[in-house]
Amino acid sequence: MAPIDDLAGPGGTQELLTVPQVMARLQLGRSAAYDLLRTRQLASITLGRARRIPSHALIDFKVA
């Protein structure tokens, strides 16, 4: 797993979103959001037991 510093954008910071935040932004239900993570259609990192989604992953997902 890559350190969080490696995920930083050009400004040096990377916003990490929670699953509920992703659900709201993509207007998806909980199961659909976790399905995207499970199938790796939406990139995420694991911090302990928590899943976090880099904000750039949403942009990549919407473009694809």
C-alpha atoms as a PDB file:
ATOM      1  CA  MET A   1       0.000   0.000   0.000  1.00  0.00           C
ATOM      2  CA  ALA A   2       1.284   3.451  -0.920  1.00  0.00           C
ATOM      3  CA  PRO A   3       1.823   6.016   1.826  1.00  0.00           C
ATOM      4  CA  ILE A   4      -0.709   8.841   1.899  1.00  0.00           C
ATOM      5  CA  ASP A   5       2.043  11.305   0.921  1.00  0.00           C
ATOM      6  CA  ASP A   6       2.436   9.426  -2.394  1.00  0.00           C
ATOM      7  CA  LEU A   7      -1.254  10.051  -3.135  1.00  0.00           C
ATOM      8  CA  ALA A   8      -0.923  13.815  -2.825  1.00  0.00           C
ATOM      9  CA  GLY A   9      -1.634  15.953  -5.838  1.00  0.00           C
ATOM     10  CA  PRO A  10       0.440  18.835  -7.174  1.00  0.00           C
ATOM     11  CA  GLY A  11      -0.473  21.030  -4.204  1.00  0.00           C
ATOM     12  CA  GLY A  12       0.848  18.432  -1.781  1.00  0.00           C
ATOM     13  CA  THR A  13      -2.539  17.491  -0.349  1.00  0.00           C
ATOM     14  CA  GLN A  14      -5.134  14.960  -1.411  1.00  0.00           C
ATOM     15  CA  GLU A  15      -8.677  14.984  -0.150  1.00  0.00           C
ATOM     16  CA  LEU A  16      -9.740  11.547   1.070  1.00  0.00           C
ATOM     17  CA  LEU A  17     -13.488  10.959   1.043  1.00  0.00           C
ATOM     18  CA  THR A  18     -15.546   8.600   3.170  1.00  0.00           C
ATOM     19  CA  VAL A  19     -17.981   6.148   1.608  1.00  0.00           C
ATOM     20  CA  PRO A  20     -21.023   8.246   2.679  1.00  0.00           C
ATOM     21  CA  GLN A  21     -19.457  11.310   0.998  1.00  0.00           C
ATOM     22  CA  VAL A  22     -18.941   9.313  -2.207  1.00  0.00           C
ATOM     23  CA  MET A  23     -22.518   8.045  -1.991  1.00  0.00           C
ATOM     24  CA  ALA A  24     -23.788  11.630  -1.829  1.00  0.00           C
ATOM     25  CA  ARG A  25     -21.573  12.904  -4.661  1.00  0.00           C
ATOM     26  CA  LEU A  26     -22.409  10.029  -7.010  1.00  0.00           C
ATOM     27  CA  GLN A  27     -26.017   9.715  -5.816  1.00  0.00           C
ATOM     28  CA  LEU A  28     -25.580   6.008  -5.121  1.00  0.00           C
ATOM     29  CA  GLY A  29     -26.795   3.705  -2.414  1.00  0.00           C
ATOM     30  CA  ARG A  30     -24.491   2.047   0.103  1.00  0.00           C
ATOM     31  CA  SER A  31     -24.436  -1.343  -1.642  1.00  0.00           C
ATOM     32  CA  ALA A  32     -23.701   0.199  -5.049  1.00  0.00           C
ATOM     33  CA  ALA A  33     -20.841   2.269  -3.612  1.00  0.00           C
ATOM     34  CA  TYR A  34     -19.258  -0.762  -1.942  1.00  0.00           C
ATOM     35  CA  ASP A  35     -19.739  -2.795  -5.147  1.00  0.00           C
ATOM     36  CA  LEU A  36     -17.684  -0.196  -7.028  1.00  0.00           C
ATOM     37  CA  LEU A  37     -14.949  -0.481  -4.400  1.00  0.00           C
ATOM     38  CA  ARG A  38     -15.063  -4.296  -4.318  1.00  0.00           C
ATOM     39  CA  THR A  39     -14.787  -4.573  -8.117  1.00  0.00           C
ATOM     40  CA  ARG A  40     -12.051  -1.901  -8.156  1.00  0.00           C
ATOM     41  CA  GLN A  41     -14.001   0.313 -10.543  1.00  0.00           C
ATOM     42  CA  LEU A  42     -13.475   3.044  -7.964  1.00  0.00           C
ATOM     43  CA  ALA A  43     -10.002   3.323  -6.435  1.00  0.00           C
ATOM     44  CA  SER A  44      -9.670   3.383  -2.661  1.00  0.00           C
ATOM     45  CA  ILE A  45      -7.178   2.966   0.143  1.00  0.00           C
ATOM     46  CA  THR A  46      -7.637   1.274   3.479  1.00  0.00           C
ATOM     47  CA  LEU A  47      -6.643   3.067   6.672  1.00  0.00           C
ATOM     48  CA  GLY A  48      -7.013   0.501   9.413  1.00  0.00           C
ATOM     49  CA  ARG A  49     -10.565  -0.752   8.914  1.00  0.00           C
ATOM     50  CA  ALA A  50     -11.741   2.411   7.152  1.00  0.00           C
ATOM     51  CA  ARG A  51     -12.018   2.782   3.377  1.00  0.00           C
ATOM     52  CA  ARG A  52     -11.103   6.171   1.942  1.00  0.00           C
ATOM     53  CA  ILE A  53     -11.506   7.273  -1.640  1.00  0.00           C
ATOM     54  CA  PRO A  54      -9.128   9.881  -3.083  1.00  0.00           C
ATOM     55  CA  SER A  55     -11.053  12.739  -4.674  1.00  0.00           C
ATOM     56  CA  HIS A  56      -9.205  12.218  -7.969  1.00  0.00           C
ATOM     57  CA  ALA A  57     -10.679   8.695  -8.107  1.00  0.00           C
ATOM     58  CA  LEU A  58     -14.160  10.207  -8.467  1.00  0.00           C
ATOM     59  CA  ILE A  59     -12.998  12.333 -11.382  1.00  0.00           C
ATOM     60  CA  ASP A  60     -11.372   9.297 -13.010  1.00  0.00           C
ATOM     61  CA  PHE A  61     -14.557   7.268 -12.464  1.00  0.00           C
ATOM     62  CA  LYS A  62     -16.842   9.923 -13.953  1.00  0.00           C
ATOM     63  CA  VAL A  63     -14.607  10.318 -17.013  1.00  0.00           C
ATOM     64  CA  ALA A  64     -14.392   6.572 -17.704  1.00  0.00           C
END
